[in-house]
Protein backbone atom coordinates (compact mmCIF):
# COMPACT_ATOMS: atom_id res chain seq x y z
CA MET A 1 46.42 -22.73 12.71
CA GLY A 2 43.63 -24.13 15.08
CA ARG A 3 40.88 -21.63 16.23
CA GLY A 4 41.31 -22.30 19.86
CA ARG A 5 39.29 -20.81 22.57
CA ALA A 6 39.70 -19.56 26.09
CA ASP A 7 38.99 -22.00 28.82
CA GLY A 8 36.42 -21.18 31.61
CA GLU A 9 33.37 -22.48 33.48
CA GLY A 10 30.47 -24.21 31.40
CA LYS A 11 32.95 -25.44 28.87
CA ALA A 12 33.00 -29.05 27.75
CA ARG A 13 35.87 -31.11 28.66
CA ILE A 14 37.50 -34.53 27.59
CA GLY A 15 37.90 -35.70 31.20
CA ALA A 16 34.30 -35.29 32.29
CA ALA A 17 33.07 -38.34 33.21
CA THR A 18 29.64 -37.97 31.52
CA PRO A 19 28.71 -36.10 28.48
CA PRO A 20 28.19 -32.28 29.45
CA GLY A 21 25.43 -31.84 27.10
CA LEU A 22 24.02 -28.92 28.81
CA THR A 23 27.10 -27.07 27.91
CA CYS A 24 26.78 -28.00 24.04
CA PRO A 25 23.23 -27.07 22.95
CA ARG A 26 22.30 -27.83 19.69
CA MET A 27 23.12 -25.67 16.65
CA GLY A 28 20.82 -25.83 13.81
CA ASN A 29 19.00 -28.56 12.32
CA VAL A 30 20.15 -32.19 12.17
CA THR A 31 20.01 -33.79 8.88
CA THR A 32 19.92 -37.65 9.19
CA VAL A 33 20.66 -39.74 6.07
CA GLY A 34 19.87 -43.53 5.82
CA GLY A 35 18.60 -46.37 3.97
CA PRO A 36 15.24 -46.56 1.97
CA SER A 37 13.21 -45.75 5.52
CA ALA A 38 14.78 -42.36 5.56
CA GLY A 39 13.04 -41.33 2.13
CA GLN A 40 13.70 -41.45 -1.55
CA SER A 41 17.05 -42.11 -2.87
CA GLY A 42 17.42 -38.86 -4.57
CA GLN A 43 16.52 -37.15 -1.28
CA ASN A 44 19.20 -38.96 0.50
CA ASP A 45 21.87 -38.32 -2.20
CA GLY A 46 21.30 -34.72 -1.65
CA GLN A 47 21.59 -35.09 2.06
CA ARG A 48 24.81 -37.28 1.63
CA GLY A 49 25.93 -34.23 -0.40
CA ARG A 50 25.36 -31.90 2.51
CA ALA A 51 27.92 -34.04 4.55
CA ARG A 52 30.26 -33.89 1.46
CA GLU A 53 29.88 -30.29 1.35
CA ALA A 54 30.69 -29.82 5.12
CA ILE A 55 33.66 -31.71 4.72
CA ARG A 56 34.85 -29.92 1.62
CA LYS A 57 34.69 -26.55 3.35
CA ALA A 58 36.41 -27.76 6.37
CA SER A 59 40.36 -27.00 6.85
CA ASN A 60 40.85 -28.82 10.09
CA VAL A 61 39.20 -31.92 10.72
CA LEU A 62 39.11 -34.30 13.68
CA VAL A 63 38.16 -37.85 12.89
CA LEU A 64 37.09 -40.32 15.46
CA THR A 65 36.67 -43.99 14.70
CA GLY A 66 34.97 -46.87 16.55
CA ALA A 67 34.51 -50.53 15.74
CA GLY A 68 31.89 -49.99 12.97
CA ILE A 69 34.66 -48.70 10.65
CA SER A 70 36.06 -52.09 10.79
CA THR A 71 33.14 -54.19 10.64
CA ASP A 72 33.39 -54.14 6.65
CA SER A 73 36.76 -55.91 7.28
CA ARG A 74 35.04 -58.82 8.88
CA ILE A 75 35.92 -57.72 12.48
CA PRO A 76 32.81 -57.75 14.57
CA ASP A 77 32.00 -54.82 16.66
CA PHE A 78 31.26 -55.13 20.65
CA ARG A 79 27.66 -53.74 21.16
CA GLY A 80 26.02 -53.99 17.71
CA PRO A 81 23.30 -56.89 16.91
CA GLN A 82 26.16 -59.14 16.09
CA GLY A 83 28.76 -57.85 18.47
CA VAL A 84 31.05 -59.80 20.55
CA TRP A 85 29.50 -58.54 23.81
CA THR A 86 26.03 -58.56 22.68
CA LYS A 87 26.33 -62.45 21.55
CA ASP A 88 28.47 -63.46 24.54
CA PRO A 89 27.96 -61.12 27.71
CA ASN A 90 30.65 -63.06 29.67
CA ALA A 91 33.35 -62.20 26.81
CA GLU A 92 33.31 -58.61 28.42
CA ARG A 93 35.03 -60.13 31.60
CA MET A 94 38.14 -60.50 29.37
CA SER A 95 38.10 -56.85 28.89
CA ASN A 96 38.24 -55.92 32.53
CA ILE A 97 41.50 -55.58 34.07
CA ALA A 98 40.33 -56.60 37.55
CA TYR A 99 39.26 -60.02 36.22
CA TYR A 100 42.13 -60.32 33.93
CA ARG A 101 44.57 -59.91 36.92
CA SER A 102 43.00 -62.22 39.30
CA ASP A 103 41.36 -65.08 37.30
CA VAL A 104 43.88 -67.51 35.43
CA GLU A 105 40.82 -68.92 33.70
CA VAL A 106 39.80 -65.47 32.18
CA ARG A 107 43.26 -64.96 30.92
CA ARG A 108 43.33 -68.40 29.46
CA LEU A 109 40.23 -67.54 27.48
CA ALA A 110 41.77 -64.09 26.42
CA TRP A 111 44.85 -66.12 24.95
CA ARG A 112 42.73 -68.34 23.07
CA ALA A 113 40.67 -65.61 21.66
CA ARG A 114 43.57 -63.59 20.70
CA LEU A 115 45.00 -66.60 19.00
CA ASP A 116 41.73 -66.88 16.80
CA SER A 117 41.04 -63.21 16.44
CA PRO A 118 39.80 -62.14 12.90
CA VAL A 119 42.31 -59.17 13.17
CA TRP A 120 45.07 -61.36 11.69
CA ALA A 121 43.29 -62.01 8.43
CA ALA A 122 41.66 -58.67 8.05
CA ASP A 123 42.63 -56.10 5.63
CA PRO A 124 41.80 -52.39 5.45
CA ASN A 125 38.48 -51.62 3.65
CA PRO A 126 37.39 -48.73 1.44
CA GLY A 127 36.44 -46.93 4.67
CA HIS A 128 40.06 -46.87 6.12
CA ARG A 129 41.33 -45.97 2.67
CA ALA A 130 38.94 -43.20 2.07
CA LEU A 131 40.24 -41.37 5.14
CA LEU A 132 43.49 -41.15 3.52
CA ARG A 133 42.02 -38.30 1.27
CA LEU A 134 41.75 -36.18 4.18
CA GLU A 135 45.27 -36.49 4.63
CA GLN A 136 46.08 -35.99 0.89
CA ALA A 137 43.96 -32.67 1.00
CA HIS A 138 45.95 -31.44 4.33
CA LYS A 139 42.72 -31.17 6.19
CA LEU A 140 43.23 -33.92 8.84
CA ASN A 141 44.55 -32.61 12.21
CA LEU A 142 44.11 -36.09 14.28
CA LEU A 143 42.72 -39.44 13.67
CA VAL A 144 41.57 -40.78 17.19
CA THR A 145 40.54 -44.44 16.92
CA GLN A 146 39.03 -46.66 19.63
CA ASN A 147 40.02 -49.62 17.72
CA ILE A 148 42.88 -52.09 18.42
CA ASP A 149 43.15 -53.49 15.24
CA GLY A 150 45.94 -51.54 13.54
CA LEU A 151 43.97 -51.13 10.11
CA HIS A 152 44.56 -47.30 10.05
CA HIS A 153 48.08 -48.11 10.20
CA ALA A 154 47.82 -51.00 7.54
CA ALA A 155 45.90 -48.49 5.22
CA GLY A 156 48.83 -46.11 5.05
CA SER A 157 47.44 -43.21 7.45
CA ASP A 158 50.45 -41.25 8.70
CA PRO A 159 51.43 -42.73 12.24
CA GLU A 160 52.20 -39.38 13.64
CA LEU A 161 48.31 -38.34 13.00
CA ILE A 162 46.91 -41.68 14.56
CA VAL A 163 46.08 -41.85 18.46
CA GLU A 164 45.23 -45.42 19.35
CA ILE A 165 43.40 -44.20 22.55
CA HIS A 166 42.51 -47.82 23.64
CA GLY A 167 45.94 -49.17 22.56
CA THR A 168 46.84 -51.91 20.22
CA GLY A 169 46.35 -55.52 19.99
CA ARG A 170 49.13 -56.05 17.97
CA ASP A 171 51.54 -55.77 20.89
CA VAL A 172 51.94 -57.39 24.08
CA GLN A 173 53.00 -56.00 27.37
CA CYS A 174 53.73 -56.98 30.94
CA LEU A 175 51.51 -55.70 33.56
CA HIS A 176 54.60 -55.81 36.12
CA CYS A 177 57.68 -54.60 33.98
CA SER A 178 58.44 -52.62 30.82
CA TYR A 179 58.67 -55.46 28.51
CA ARG A 180 56.71 -55.02 25.29
CA ALA A 181 56.92 -57.07 22.03
CA PRO A 182 54.89 -57.88 18.94
CA MET A 183 51.70 -60.16 19.95
CA GLN A 184 52.79 -62.92 17.64
CA ASP A 185 55.84 -63.48 19.89
CA ALA A 186 53.56 -64.49 22.70
CA LEU A 187 51.17 -66.09 20.45
CA ASP A 188 53.78 -68.35 19.13
CA ARG A 189 54.12 -69.49 22.63
CA VAL A 190 50.33 -70.22 22.95
CA ARG A 191 50.60 -72.21 19.91
CA ALA A 192 53.41 -74.37 21.30
CA GLY A 193 51.08 -75.08 24.35
CA GLU A 194 51.18 -72.38 26.89
CA ASP A 195 47.94 -71.19 27.97
CA ASP A 196 48.91 -68.30 30.00
CA PRO A 197 52.52 -67.07 29.06
CA ALA A 198 54.23 -65.35 31.44
CA CYS A 199 56.73 -62.22 30.75
CA PRO A 200 60.10 -63.69 29.74
CA ASP A 201 61.75 -60.96 31.61
CA CYS A 202 60.24 -61.04 35.17
CA GLY A 203 57.58 -63.64 35.16
CA GLY A 204 54.61 -61.43 35.36
CA ILE A 205 51.22 -61.28 33.69
CA LEU A 206 51.34 -60.55 30.02
CA LYS A 207 48.51 -58.74 28.30
CA SER A 208 47.66 -57.16 24.88
CA ALA A 209 48.85 -53.50 24.80
CA THR A 210 45.21 -52.40 25.03
CA VAL A 211 43.58 -50.35 27.56
CA SER A 212 41.19 -52.48 29.63
CA PHE A 213 38.21 -51.36 31.48
CA GLY A 214 39.69 -50.28 34.81
CA GLN A 215 42.93 -49.14 33.42
CA SER A 216 43.70 -45.48 32.75
CA LEU A 217 44.20 -43.91 29.37
CA ASN A 218 47.47 -42.37 28.19
CA THR A 219 47.08 -38.53 29.52
CA ALA A 220 49.35 -37.47 26.52
CA ASP A 221 46.90 -39.24 23.94
CA LEU A 222 43.90 -37.57 25.89
CA GLY A 223 45.59 -34.15 25.85
CA ARG A 224 46.11 -34.42 21.89
CA ALA A 225 42.56 -35.39 21.13
CA GLU A 226 41.28 -32.66 23.49
CA GLN A 227 43.40 -29.96 21.95
CA ALA A 228 42.36 -31.37 18.49
CA ALA A 229 38.73 -31.09 19.31
CA ILE A 230 39.17 -27.66 20.53
CA ASP A 231 40.87 -26.60 17.15
CA CYS A 232 38.90 -28.43 14.68
CA ASP A 233 36.46 -26.79 12.73
CA LEU A 234 34.64 -30.21 11.78
CA LEU A 235 34.54 -33.15 13.80
CA LEU A 236 33.92 -36.60 11.93
CA ALA A 237 32.74 -39.35 14.03
CA ILE A 238 32.80 -43.02 12.51
CA GLY A 239 31.46 -46.05 13.54
CA SER A 240 31.24 -45.34 17.16
CA THR A 241 28.16 -45.45 19.64
CA LEU A 242 29.72 -42.51 21.18
CA GLY A 243 29.10 -43.95 24.63
CA VAL A 244 32.59 -44.89 25.94
CA TYR A 245 34.13 -42.27 28.13
CA PRO A 246 36.17 -40.01 28.37
CA ILE A 247 37.08 -40.04 24.65
CA ALA A 248 33.31 -39.65 23.46
CA ASN A 249 33.59 -36.27 25.11
CA VAL A 250 35.48 -35.00 22.20
CA VAL A 251 32.05 -34.55 20.39
CA PRO A 252 30.65 -32.09 22.96
CA VAL A 253 34.23 -30.56 23.39
CA ALA A 254 34.19 -29.90 19.49
CA LYS A 255 30.82 -28.52 19.60
CA SER A 256 31.07 -26.13 22.23
CA SER A 257 34.19 -24.67 20.05
CA GLY A 258 32.02 -24.04 17.09
CA ALA A 259 32.95 -27.24 14.95
CA THR A 260 30.65 -28.97 12.76
CA ILE A 261 29.76 -32.47 13.97
CA VAL A 262 29.18 -35.10 11.13
CA ILE A 263 28.30 -38.58 12.57
CA VAL A 264 28.70 -41.58 10.31
CA ASN A 265 27.08 -44.78 11.67
CA GLY A 266 24.91 -47.53 11.08
CA SER A 267 22.63 -47.21 13.96
CA PRO A 268 21.79 -44.28 16.41
CA THR A 269 24.47 -43.01 18.79
CA GLU A 270 24.50 -41.16 22.03
CA MET A 271 25.63 -37.84 20.63
CA ASP A 272 23.09 -37.65 17.63
CA ASP A 273 21.57 -34.70 19.33
CA LEU A 274 24.71 -32.82 19.03
CA ALA A 275 25.10 -33.49 15.33
CA ASP A 276 24.64 -31.44 12.45
CA VAL A 277 24.60 -34.16 10.03
CA ILE A 278 23.88 -37.91 10.67
CA VAL A 279 24.57 -40.21 7.82
CA ARG A 280 23.34 -44.04 8.33
CA GLY A 281 24.41 -46.84 6.09
CA SER A 282 27.28 -49.08 5.23
CA ILE A 283 30.48 -47.04 6.62
CA SER A 284 32.92 -48.02 3.92
CA GLU A 285 30.27 -47.11 1.23
CA VAL A 286 29.26 -43.80 2.95
CA LEU A 287 32.88 -42.80 3.40
CA SER A 288 33.71 -43.47 -0.01
CA GLU A 289 31.03 -41.10 -1.13
CA ILE A 290 31.45 -38.22 1.08
CA LEU A 291 35.22 -38.17 1.34
CA LEU A 292 36.16 -37.26 -2.24
């Protein structure tokens, strides 16, 4: 059973446009774990042990994953040092629905990018597979992912426990009608010479079944994520800068509901001040160590 709480003024909500940090004061000391610069290896092992112990004691875990969990599957993230948008700021235009709808050249570039996406050759890494242990231990309440690569499904996570909050790149959908199909159907047309394939049902614009900037998230998915944040006794945030809203607000929601916050990421995040434990390093390596 979830712990729950009564709603009221001053409580964090996922729908907030900015992180309501004032409603979620820090609780206790933050433990940071990293590479050699964080201290001696023996000390780091002890600190990782604290993260492992917090997870061991938890009974209701919400997991939030971002692009960082998939970098060890050779899928680049967006905002990291080698991120897609860091190296090519113009690439972000392809993820903006206004540009996508109005500019045929943006759509042509997007179709070429989809065709060449590293997702098609990617396999789940040890980090994805380590999360299965939470399911096997009957601790996982919900796995919310910001990723569109489908690797949690490929790793064997229960589809009923996965919320792909930003959609999936493995399907294509029409912006004008209800048409939806596997992405490879559209990519076969691109390979055959179509540079901007239209909907076969209505002739409308086709796009990956992802949520672009300027599009609304699925309200039912947001509701599931918020309830899981309210109910969880531990939130494990993995491979995310925690700077994309509204989903990043699961962290302050969980914190204000009394949950322990564990952040695993290769670099600082925008929610580090709310964390009880912060673990730096290779995400697949760290998860393999703390999820036993």
